[in-house]
N, C-alpha and C. Protein backbone atom coordinates (compact mmCIF):
# COMPACT_ATOMS: atom_id res chain seq x y z
N MET A 1 89.37 9.85 -31.63
CA MET A 1 88.71 8.67 -31.14
C MET A 1 88.06 7.93 -32.28
N SER A 2 88.27 6.67 -32.30
CA SER A 2 87.60 5.87 -33.31
C SER A 2 86.90 4.72 -32.61
N GLY A 3 85.87 4.26 -33.22
CA GLY A 3 85.13 3.16 -32.64
C GLY A 3 84.88 2.09 -33.67
N GLU A 4 84.43 0.99 -33.17
CA GLU A 4 84.14 -0.13 -34.05
C GLU A 4 82.66 -0.44 -33.93
N LEU A 5 82.00 -0.54 -35.04
CA LEU A 5 80.58 -0.88 -35.07
C LEU A 5 80.47 -2.40 -35.16
N ILE A 6 79.81 -2.96 -34.20
CA ILE A 6 79.61 -4.41 -34.18
C ILE A 6 78.17 -4.67 -34.56
N LYS A 7 77.98 -5.43 -35.59
CA LYS A 7 76.63 -5.76 -36.05
C LYS A 7 76.28 -7.15 -35.51
N VAL A 8 75.27 -7.19 -34.68
CA VAL A 8 74.84 -8.44 -34.06
C VAL A 8 73.79 -9.09 -34.96
N PRO A 9 73.97 -10.37 -35.27
CA PRO A 9 72.98 -11.03 -36.13
C PRO A 9 71.64 -11.20 -35.41
N ASN A 10 70.57 -11.16 -36.16
CA ASN A 10 69.23 -11.34 -35.62
C ASN A 10 68.93 -12.84 -35.57
N THR A 11 69.26 -13.46 -34.45
CA THR A 11 69.05 -14.91 -34.33
C THR A 11 67.64 -15.25 -33.86
N LEU A 12 66.90 -14.25 -33.37
CA LEU A 12 65.54 -14.51 -32.91
C LEU A 12 64.67 -15.05 -34.04
N ARG A 13 64.79 -14.47 -35.21
CA ARG A 13 63.98 -14.91 -36.34
C ARG A 13 64.22 -16.39 -36.62
N ASN A 14 65.47 -16.83 -36.55
CA ASN A 14 65.79 -18.24 -36.78
C ASN A 14 65.19 -19.13 -35.69
N LYS A 15 65.20 -18.64 -34.47
CA LYS A 15 64.68 -19.42 -33.34
C LYS A 15 63.17 -19.59 -33.40
N ILE A 16 62.46 -18.60 -33.91
CA ILE A 16 61.00 -18.72 -33.96
C ILE A 16 60.51 -19.22 -35.31
N GLY A 17 61.44 -19.51 -36.20
CA GLY A 17 61.05 -20.11 -37.47
C GLY A 17 60.71 -19.10 -38.55
N GLY A 18 61.39 -18.01 -38.58
CA GLY A 18 61.13 -17.03 -39.64
C GLY A 18 60.06 -16.05 -39.23
N ARG A 19 59.35 -15.55 -40.23
CA ARG A 19 58.32 -14.54 -39.96
C ARG A 19 57.16 -15.16 -39.19
N MET A 20 56.58 -14.33 -38.37
CA MET A 20 55.40 -14.76 -37.62
C MET A 20 54.20 -14.77 -38.57
N ALA A 21 53.32 -15.71 -38.35
CA ALA A 21 52.11 -15.78 -39.16
C ALA A 21 51.21 -14.60 -38.84
N LYS A 22 50.38 -14.21 -39.79
CA LYS A 22 49.43 -13.12 -39.56
C LYS A 22 48.44 -13.55 -38.49
N VAL A 23 47.98 -12.57 -37.74
CA VAL A 23 46.99 -12.82 -36.71
C VAL A 23 45.66 -13.15 -37.37
N ASP A 24 45.05 -14.24 -36.91
CA ASP A 24 43.76 -14.65 -37.44
C ASP A 24 42.66 -13.91 -36.67
N LEU A 25 42.19 -12.82 -37.25
CA LEU A 25 41.19 -11.99 -36.59
C LEU A 25 39.87 -12.74 -36.38
N LYS A 26 39.55 -13.66 -37.28
CA LYS A 26 38.32 -14.45 -37.12
C LYS A 26 38.42 -15.36 -35.91
N ALA A 27 39.60 -15.94 -35.68
CA ALA A 27 39.80 -16.80 -34.51
C ALA A 27 39.67 -15.99 -33.23
N ILE A 28 40.20 -14.78 -33.23
CA ILE A 28 40.07 -13.91 -32.07
C ILE A 28 38.61 -13.57 -31.82
N ALA A 29 37.89 -13.28 -32.86
CA ALA A 29 36.46 -12.95 -32.73
C ALA A 29 35.69 -14.15 -32.18
N ARG A 30 36.01 -15.35 -32.65
CA ARG A 30 35.34 -16.56 -32.14
C ARG A 30 35.64 -16.76 -30.66
N ALA A 31 36.89 -16.52 -30.27
CA ALA A 31 37.26 -16.67 -28.86
C ALA A 31 36.53 -15.65 -27.99
N GLU A 32 36.40 -14.43 -28.48
CA GLU A 32 35.68 -13.40 -27.73
C GLU A 32 34.20 -13.76 -27.60
N GLU A 33 33.62 -14.31 -28.65
CA GLU A 33 32.22 -14.74 -28.59
C GLU A 33 32.04 -15.87 -27.59
N ALA A 34 32.98 -16.81 -27.58
CA ALA A 34 32.91 -17.92 -26.63
C ALA A 34 33.00 -17.41 -25.20
N LEU A 35 33.91 -16.48 -24.97
CA LEU A 35 34.06 -15.90 -23.65
C LEU A 35 32.80 -15.16 -23.24
N GLU A 36 32.22 -14.42 -24.16
CA GLU A 36 30.98 -13.69 -23.88
C GLU A 36 29.85 -14.65 -23.53
N SER A 37 29.78 -15.79 -24.20
CA SER A 37 28.71 -16.75 -23.92
C SER A 37 28.86 -17.37 -22.53
N LEU A 38 30.08 -17.37 -22.00
CA LEU A 38 30.31 -17.92 -20.67
C LEU A 38 30.17 -16.87 -19.56
N SER A 39 30.12 -15.61 -19.93
CA SER A 39 30.18 -14.52 -18.95
C SER A 39 29.04 -14.54 -17.93
N SER A 40 27.93 -15.15 -18.27
CA SER A 40 26.84 -15.21 -17.30
C SER A 40 27.20 -16.06 -16.09
N ASN A 41 28.25 -16.87 -16.21
CA ASN A 41 28.70 -17.72 -15.11
C ASN A 41 29.79 -17.07 -14.26
N PHE A 42 30.32 -15.95 -14.69
CA PHE A 42 31.50 -15.37 -14.04
C PHE A 42 31.27 -15.04 -12.57
N ASP A 43 30.11 -14.47 -12.23
CA ASP A 43 29.86 -14.12 -10.83
C ASP A 43 29.83 -15.37 -9.95
N GLU A 44 29.28 -16.43 -10.46
CA GLU A 44 29.25 -17.70 -9.72
C GLU A 44 30.67 -18.27 -9.59
N TRP A 45 31.42 -18.24 -10.67
CA TRP A 45 32.76 -18.82 -10.66
C TRP A 45 33.72 -18.06 -9.75
N ILE A 46 33.59 -16.73 -9.70
CA ILE A 46 34.50 -15.98 -8.84
C ILE A 46 34.20 -16.24 -7.37
N VAL A 47 32.94 -16.50 -7.04
CA VAL A 47 32.60 -16.87 -5.66
C VAL A 47 33.22 -18.22 -5.31
N ILE A 48 33.23 -19.14 -6.25
CA ILE A 48 33.87 -20.44 -6.03
C ILE A 48 35.36 -20.26 -5.76
N GLU A 49 36.00 -19.39 -6.53
CA GLU A 49 37.43 -19.14 -6.33
C GLU A 49 37.68 -18.45 -4.99
N LEU A 50 36.81 -17.53 -4.60
CA LEU A 50 36.92 -16.88 -3.30
C LEU A 50 36.79 -17.92 -2.18
N THR A 51 35.84 -18.82 -2.31
CA THR A 51 35.65 -19.87 -1.31
C THR A 51 36.90 -20.73 -1.16
N LYS A 52 37.55 -21.03 -2.27
CA LYS A 52 38.81 -21.80 -2.22
C LYS A 52 39.88 -21.02 -1.46
N LEU A 53 39.94 -19.70 -1.67
CA LEU A 53 40.91 -18.87 -0.97
C LEU A 53 40.60 -18.84 0.52
N ILE A 54 39.36 -18.67 0.88
CA ILE A 54 38.96 -18.63 2.29
C ILE A 54 39.25 -19.97 2.95
N ASP A 55 38.95 -21.06 2.26
CA ASP A 55 39.24 -22.39 2.81
C ASP A 55 40.75 -22.60 3.01
N ALA A 56 41.53 -22.09 2.07
CA ALA A 56 42.99 -22.20 2.21
C ALA A 56 43.45 -21.41 3.43
N ARG A 57 42.87 -20.25 3.66
CA ARG A 57 43.22 -19.45 4.84
C ARG A 57 42.85 -20.18 6.12
N LYS A 58 41.67 -20.78 6.14
CA LYS A 58 41.21 -21.51 7.32
C LYS A 58 42.09 -22.72 7.63
N SER A 59 42.71 -23.26 6.62
CA SER A 59 43.50 -24.49 6.81
C SER A 59 44.90 -24.23 7.36
N LEU A 60 45.28 -22.97 7.52
CA LEU A 60 46.62 -22.66 8.04
C LEU A 60 46.72 -23.10 9.50
N PRO A 61 47.66 -23.97 9.81
CA PRO A 61 47.79 -24.40 11.21
C PRO A 61 48.40 -23.29 12.06
N ASN A 62 47.65 -22.83 13.06
CA ASN A 62 48.11 -21.75 13.95
C ASN A 62 48.59 -20.52 13.17
N ASN A 63 47.92 -20.21 12.08
CA ASN A 63 48.26 -19.06 11.23
C ASN A 63 49.66 -19.15 10.63
N ASN A 64 50.23 -20.34 10.62
CA ASN A 64 51.57 -20.55 10.08
C ASN A 64 51.47 -20.79 8.57
N MET A 65 52.18 -19.99 7.80
CA MET A 65 52.10 -20.08 6.34
C MET A 65 53.32 -20.73 5.70
N THR A 66 54.20 -21.34 6.49
CA THR A 66 55.43 -21.89 5.91
C THR A 66 55.27 -23.27 5.32
N GLY A 67 54.21 -23.97 5.66
CA GLY A 67 54.01 -25.32 5.14
C GLY A 67 53.24 -25.36 3.83
N VAL A 68 52.78 -26.55 3.50
CA VAL A 68 52.04 -26.73 2.25
C VAL A 68 50.74 -25.92 2.24
N GLU A 69 50.19 -25.68 3.42
CA GLU A 69 48.96 -24.90 3.50
C GLU A 69 49.22 -23.45 3.06
N GLY A 70 50.37 -22.94 3.42
CA GLY A 70 50.74 -21.58 2.99
C GLY A 70 50.93 -21.51 1.50
N ARG A 71 51.54 -22.55 0.95
CA ARG A 71 51.72 -22.60 -0.51
C ARG A 71 50.35 -22.68 -1.20
N GLU A 72 49.42 -23.41 -0.61
CA GLU A 72 48.07 -23.50 -1.18
C GLU A 72 47.37 -22.14 -1.13
N LEU A 73 47.57 -21.40 -0.05
CA LEU A 73 47.01 -20.05 0.03
C LEU A 73 47.55 -19.20 -1.12
N PHE A 74 48.86 -19.26 -1.34
CA PHE A 74 49.44 -18.53 -2.46
C PHE A 74 48.81 -18.98 -3.78
N ASN A 75 48.68 -20.29 -3.98
CA ASN A 75 48.11 -20.81 -5.24
C ASN A 75 46.70 -20.27 -5.47
N ARG A 76 45.89 -20.22 -4.43
CA ARG A 76 44.52 -19.71 -4.57
C ARG A 76 44.55 -18.22 -4.90
N ALA A 77 45.44 -17.47 -4.26
CA ALA A 77 45.58 -16.04 -4.57
C ALA A 77 46.04 -15.86 -6.00
N HIS A 78 46.96 -16.69 -6.42
CA HIS A 78 47.49 -16.60 -7.79
C HIS A 78 46.39 -16.89 -8.82
N ASP A 79 45.54 -17.86 -8.52
CA ASP A 79 44.40 -18.15 -9.41
C ASP A 79 43.50 -16.93 -9.53
N LEU A 80 43.19 -16.30 -8.40
CA LEU A 80 42.33 -15.11 -8.44
C LEU A 80 43.01 -13.95 -9.15
N LYS A 81 44.30 -13.86 -9.01
CA LYS A 81 45.04 -12.82 -9.73
C LYS A 81 44.83 -12.97 -11.23
N GLY A 82 44.83 -14.19 -11.71
CA GLY A 82 44.64 -14.43 -13.13
C GLY A 82 43.18 -14.36 -13.57
N LEU A 83 42.28 -14.74 -12.70
CA LEU A 83 40.87 -14.83 -13.09
C LEU A 83 40.06 -13.57 -12.81
N GLY A 84 40.51 -12.74 -11.88
CA GLY A 84 39.72 -11.57 -11.49
C GLY A 84 39.29 -10.72 -12.67
N THR A 85 40.24 -10.30 -13.47
CA THR A 85 39.91 -9.45 -14.61
C THR A 85 39.08 -10.20 -15.64
N THR A 86 39.42 -11.46 -15.87
CA THR A 86 38.65 -12.27 -16.81
C THR A 86 37.18 -12.34 -16.40
N TYR A 87 36.95 -12.45 -15.10
CA TYR A 87 35.59 -12.55 -14.59
C TYR A 87 34.93 -11.19 -14.37
N GLY A 88 35.60 -10.12 -14.78
CA GLY A 88 35.01 -8.79 -14.70
C GLY A 88 35.32 -8.05 -13.41
N TYR A 89 36.32 -8.51 -12.66
CA TYR A 89 36.69 -7.88 -11.40
C TYR A 89 38.18 -7.51 -11.39
N PRO A 90 38.56 -6.48 -12.12
CA PRO A 90 39.97 -6.10 -12.10
C PRO A 90 40.48 -5.72 -10.71
N ILE A 91 39.58 -5.25 -9.85
CA ILE A 91 40.03 -4.93 -8.49
C ILE A 91 40.43 -6.18 -7.73
N VAL A 92 39.77 -7.29 -8.00
CA VAL A 92 40.15 -8.56 -7.37
C VAL A 92 41.53 -8.98 -7.86
N THR A 93 41.79 -8.76 -9.14
CA THR A 93 43.13 -9.04 -9.66
C THR A 93 44.17 -8.22 -8.91
N ALA A 94 43.88 -6.95 -8.67
CA ALA A 94 44.83 -6.08 -7.96
C ALA A 94 45.05 -6.57 -6.53
N PHE A 95 43.97 -6.88 -5.82
CA PHE A 95 44.09 -7.36 -4.44
C PHE A 95 44.83 -8.69 -4.39
N ALA A 96 44.49 -9.59 -5.29
CA ALA A 96 45.12 -10.91 -5.30
C ALA A 96 46.59 -10.81 -5.69
N SER A 97 46.91 -9.89 -6.58
CA SER A 97 48.31 -9.68 -6.96
C SER A 97 49.12 -9.22 -5.75
N SER A 98 48.57 -8.32 -4.99
CA SER A 98 49.23 -7.83 -3.78
C SER A 98 49.37 -8.97 -2.76
N LEU A 99 48.34 -9.79 -2.65
CA LEU A 99 48.41 -10.95 -1.75
C LEU A 99 49.50 -11.92 -2.21
N CYS A 100 49.64 -12.08 -3.49
CA CYS A 100 50.72 -12.93 -4.03
C CYS A 100 52.09 -12.37 -3.65
N ASP A 101 52.21 -11.05 -3.64
CA ASP A 101 53.48 -10.42 -3.27
C ASP A 101 53.92 -10.81 -1.86
N ILE A 102 52.95 -10.99 -0.96
CA ILE A 102 53.31 -11.29 0.43
C ILE A 102 53.22 -12.78 0.76
N THR A 103 52.84 -13.60 -0.21
CA THR A 103 52.75 -15.05 0.03
C THR A 103 53.50 -15.86 -1.02
N GLY A 104 54.23 -15.19 -1.89
CA GLY A 104 54.84 -15.85 -3.04
C GLY A 104 55.94 -16.84 -2.73
N THR A 105 56.68 -16.62 -1.67
CA THR A 105 57.75 -17.55 -1.30
C THR A 105 57.62 -17.93 0.16
N LYS A 106 58.17 -19.07 0.49
CA LYS A 106 58.12 -19.56 1.87
C LYS A 106 58.76 -18.56 2.83
N GLU A 107 59.86 -17.96 2.40
CA GLU A 107 60.57 -17.01 3.25
C GLU A 107 59.73 -15.76 3.53
N VAL A 108 59.06 -15.27 2.52
CA VAL A 108 58.22 -14.08 2.71
C VAL A 108 56.98 -14.46 3.52
N ARG A 109 56.38 -15.60 3.20
CA ARG A 109 55.20 -16.05 3.96
C ARG A 109 55.52 -16.18 5.45
N ALA A 110 56.73 -16.63 5.79
CA ALA A 110 57.11 -16.83 7.19
C ALA A 110 57.08 -15.52 7.96
N LYS A 111 57.30 -14.41 7.27
CA LYS A 111 57.37 -13.10 7.93
C LYS A 111 56.10 -12.27 7.75
N ALA A 112 55.24 -12.67 6.84
CA ALA A 112 54.05 -11.87 6.53
C ALA A 112 53.09 -11.85 7.72
N PRO A 113 52.64 -10.66 8.10
CA PRO A 113 51.66 -10.58 9.19
C PRO A 113 50.33 -11.18 8.73
N ILE A 114 49.80 -12.07 9.55
CA ILE A 114 48.55 -12.73 9.18
C ILE A 114 47.42 -11.70 9.07
N ALA A 115 47.51 -10.61 9.82
CA ALA A 115 46.48 -9.56 9.72
C ALA A 115 46.49 -8.93 8.33
N LEU A 116 47.66 -8.81 7.73
CA LEU A 116 47.75 -8.25 6.37
C LEU A 116 47.18 -9.23 5.35
N VAL A 117 47.44 -10.50 5.55
CA VAL A 117 46.86 -11.54 4.68
C VAL A 117 45.34 -11.48 4.79
N ASP A 118 44.84 -11.44 6.02
CA ASP A 118 43.39 -11.39 6.24
C ASP A 118 42.77 -10.12 5.64
N ALA A 119 43.48 -9.00 5.71
CA ALA A 119 42.98 -7.76 5.11
C ALA A 119 42.82 -7.91 3.60
N HIS A 120 43.76 -8.59 2.97
CA HIS A 120 43.64 -8.84 1.53
C HIS A 120 42.43 -9.72 1.23
N ILE A 121 42.29 -10.79 1.98
CA ILE A 121 41.17 -11.72 1.74
C ILE A 121 39.84 -11.01 2.01
N ASP A 122 39.78 -10.24 3.08
CA ASP A 122 38.55 -9.49 3.38
C ASP A 122 38.23 -8.47 2.29
N SER A 123 39.26 -7.86 1.72
CA SER A 123 39.05 -6.90 0.63
C SER A 123 38.52 -7.59 -0.62
N ILE A 124 39.06 -8.75 -0.91
CA ILE A 124 38.57 -9.53 -2.05
C ILE A 124 37.11 -9.92 -1.82
N ARG A 125 36.83 -10.39 -0.61
CA ARG A 125 35.46 -10.79 -0.26
C ARG A 125 34.51 -9.59 -0.40
N ALA A 126 34.91 -8.43 0.13
CA ALA A 126 34.06 -7.23 0.07
C ALA A 126 33.82 -6.80 -1.37
N ALA A 127 34.86 -6.87 -2.19
CA ALA A 127 34.71 -6.47 -3.59
C ALA A 127 33.71 -7.36 -4.31
N ILE A 128 33.83 -8.65 -4.08
CA ILE A 128 32.92 -9.59 -4.76
C ILE A 128 31.50 -9.44 -4.22
N LYS A 129 31.36 -9.40 -2.91
CA LYS A 129 30.03 -9.28 -2.31
C LYS A 129 29.36 -7.97 -2.70
N GLY A 130 30.15 -6.89 -2.77
CA GLY A 130 29.59 -5.58 -3.09
C GLY A 130 29.59 -5.25 -4.57
N SER A 131 29.97 -6.21 -5.40
CA SER A 131 30.09 -5.99 -6.84
C SER A 131 30.95 -4.77 -7.16
N ILE A 132 32.01 -4.61 -6.38
CA ILE A 132 32.99 -3.56 -6.63
C ILE A 132 33.99 -4.16 -7.60
N LYS A 133 33.95 -3.70 -8.82
CA LYS A 133 34.72 -4.38 -9.85
C LYS A 133 35.97 -3.64 -10.29
N VAL A 134 35.97 -2.31 -10.20
CA VAL A 134 37.09 -1.54 -10.75
C VAL A 134 37.88 -0.87 -9.63
N THR A 135 39.15 -0.62 -9.90
CA THR A 135 40.03 -0.05 -8.89
C THR A 135 39.75 1.43 -8.62
N ASN A 136 39.04 2.11 -9.51
CA ASN A 136 38.75 3.52 -9.27
C ASN A 136 37.38 3.72 -8.61
N HIS A 137 36.75 2.65 -8.16
CA HIS A 137 35.52 2.74 -7.38
C HIS A 137 35.86 3.46 -6.07
N PRO A 138 34.98 4.33 -5.55
CA PRO A 138 35.32 5.09 -4.34
C PRO A 138 35.78 4.21 -3.17
N ILE A 139 35.04 3.19 -2.85
CA ILE A 139 35.43 2.30 -1.74
C ILE A 139 36.60 1.42 -2.16
N GLY A 140 36.54 0.89 -3.36
CA GLY A 140 37.62 0.04 -3.86
C GLY A 140 38.94 0.78 -3.91
N GLY A 141 38.91 2.03 -4.29
CA GLY A 141 40.12 2.83 -4.35
C GLY A 141 40.76 3.01 -2.98
N ILE A 142 39.92 3.24 -1.97
CA ILE A 142 40.43 3.40 -0.60
C ILE A 142 41.04 2.09 -0.12
N LEU A 143 40.33 0.99 -0.34
CA LEU A 143 40.86 -0.33 0.05
C LEU A 143 42.18 -0.61 -0.67
N SER A 144 42.18 -0.35 -1.95
CA SER A 144 43.36 -0.62 -2.76
C SER A 144 44.56 0.19 -2.29
N ALA A 145 44.35 1.47 -2.03
CA ALA A 145 45.45 2.34 -1.58
C ALA A 145 45.99 1.90 -0.23
N GLU A 146 45.09 1.54 0.67
CA GLU A 146 45.53 1.13 2.02
C GLU A 146 46.28 -0.20 1.96
N LEU A 147 45.77 -1.14 1.20
CA LEU A 147 46.48 -2.43 1.06
C LEU A 147 47.84 -2.24 0.43
N ALA A 148 47.90 -1.41 -0.60
CA ALA A 148 49.18 -1.15 -1.27
C ALA A 148 50.18 -0.53 -0.29
N LYS A 149 49.71 0.41 0.51
CA LYS A 149 50.57 1.07 1.49
C LYS A 149 51.11 0.07 2.51
N LYS A 150 50.22 -0.73 3.09
CA LYS A 150 50.61 -1.70 4.12
C LYS A 150 51.52 -2.79 3.53
N THR A 151 51.22 -3.20 2.32
CA THR A 151 52.05 -4.21 1.67
C THR A 151 53.44 -3.67 1.39
N LYS A 152 53.51 -2.45 0.91
CA LYS A 152 54.80 -1.82 0.63
C LYS A 152 55.61 -1.68 1.92
N GLN A 153 54.96 -1.28 2.99
CA GLN A 153 55.64 -1.16 4.28
C GLN A 153 56.20 -2.50 4.73
N PHE A 154 55.38 -3.54 4.62
CA PHE A 154 55.86 -4.87 5.01
C PHE A 154 57.03 -5.33 4.15
N LEU A 155 56.89 -5.22 2.85
CA LEU A 155 57.95 -5.69 1.94
C LEU A 155 59.24 -4.92 2.16
N ALA A 156 59.16 -3.69 2.62
CA ALA A 156 60.37 -2.90 2.88
C ALA A 156 61.14 -3.44 4.09
N THR A 157 60.47 -4.23 4.92
CA THR A 157 61.12 -4.75 6.13
C THR A 157 61.85 -6.07 5.90
N ILE A 158 61.63 -6.67 4.76
CA ILE A 158 62.27 -7.99 4.55
C ILE A 158 63.48 -7.90 3.63
């Protein structure tokens, strides 16, 4: 048996313009300092984002998520998915990520049980109100496991 060795050219380097520049550690430090200076506002800002999510839920006509209101609910969940950890609530990121899984497309939203959507929103609300920030918190862990289980069961049906 004989084989042929094919050498593939590294075209990625050409596409990104050669070598990557060194990481500017001072710029990273400045960004971290800026973020730290804003951190006193995080608890207030996450409540604002939660309020937007709750308002989006309230705006669903007859609990129907197939219209623009359903897309807005997804958008609010997606925002919390990105902001939860930044604001010091990784558990909110986990809950919002799971909510995104069941509201991400019109087709999935059409089949998603509204009770499961409400359970996600209630879990996010409880985490923020109770300052439950991490996924290994005793109560947060139970909520997280149950939501994950119910979400997995639902997604298996579609």
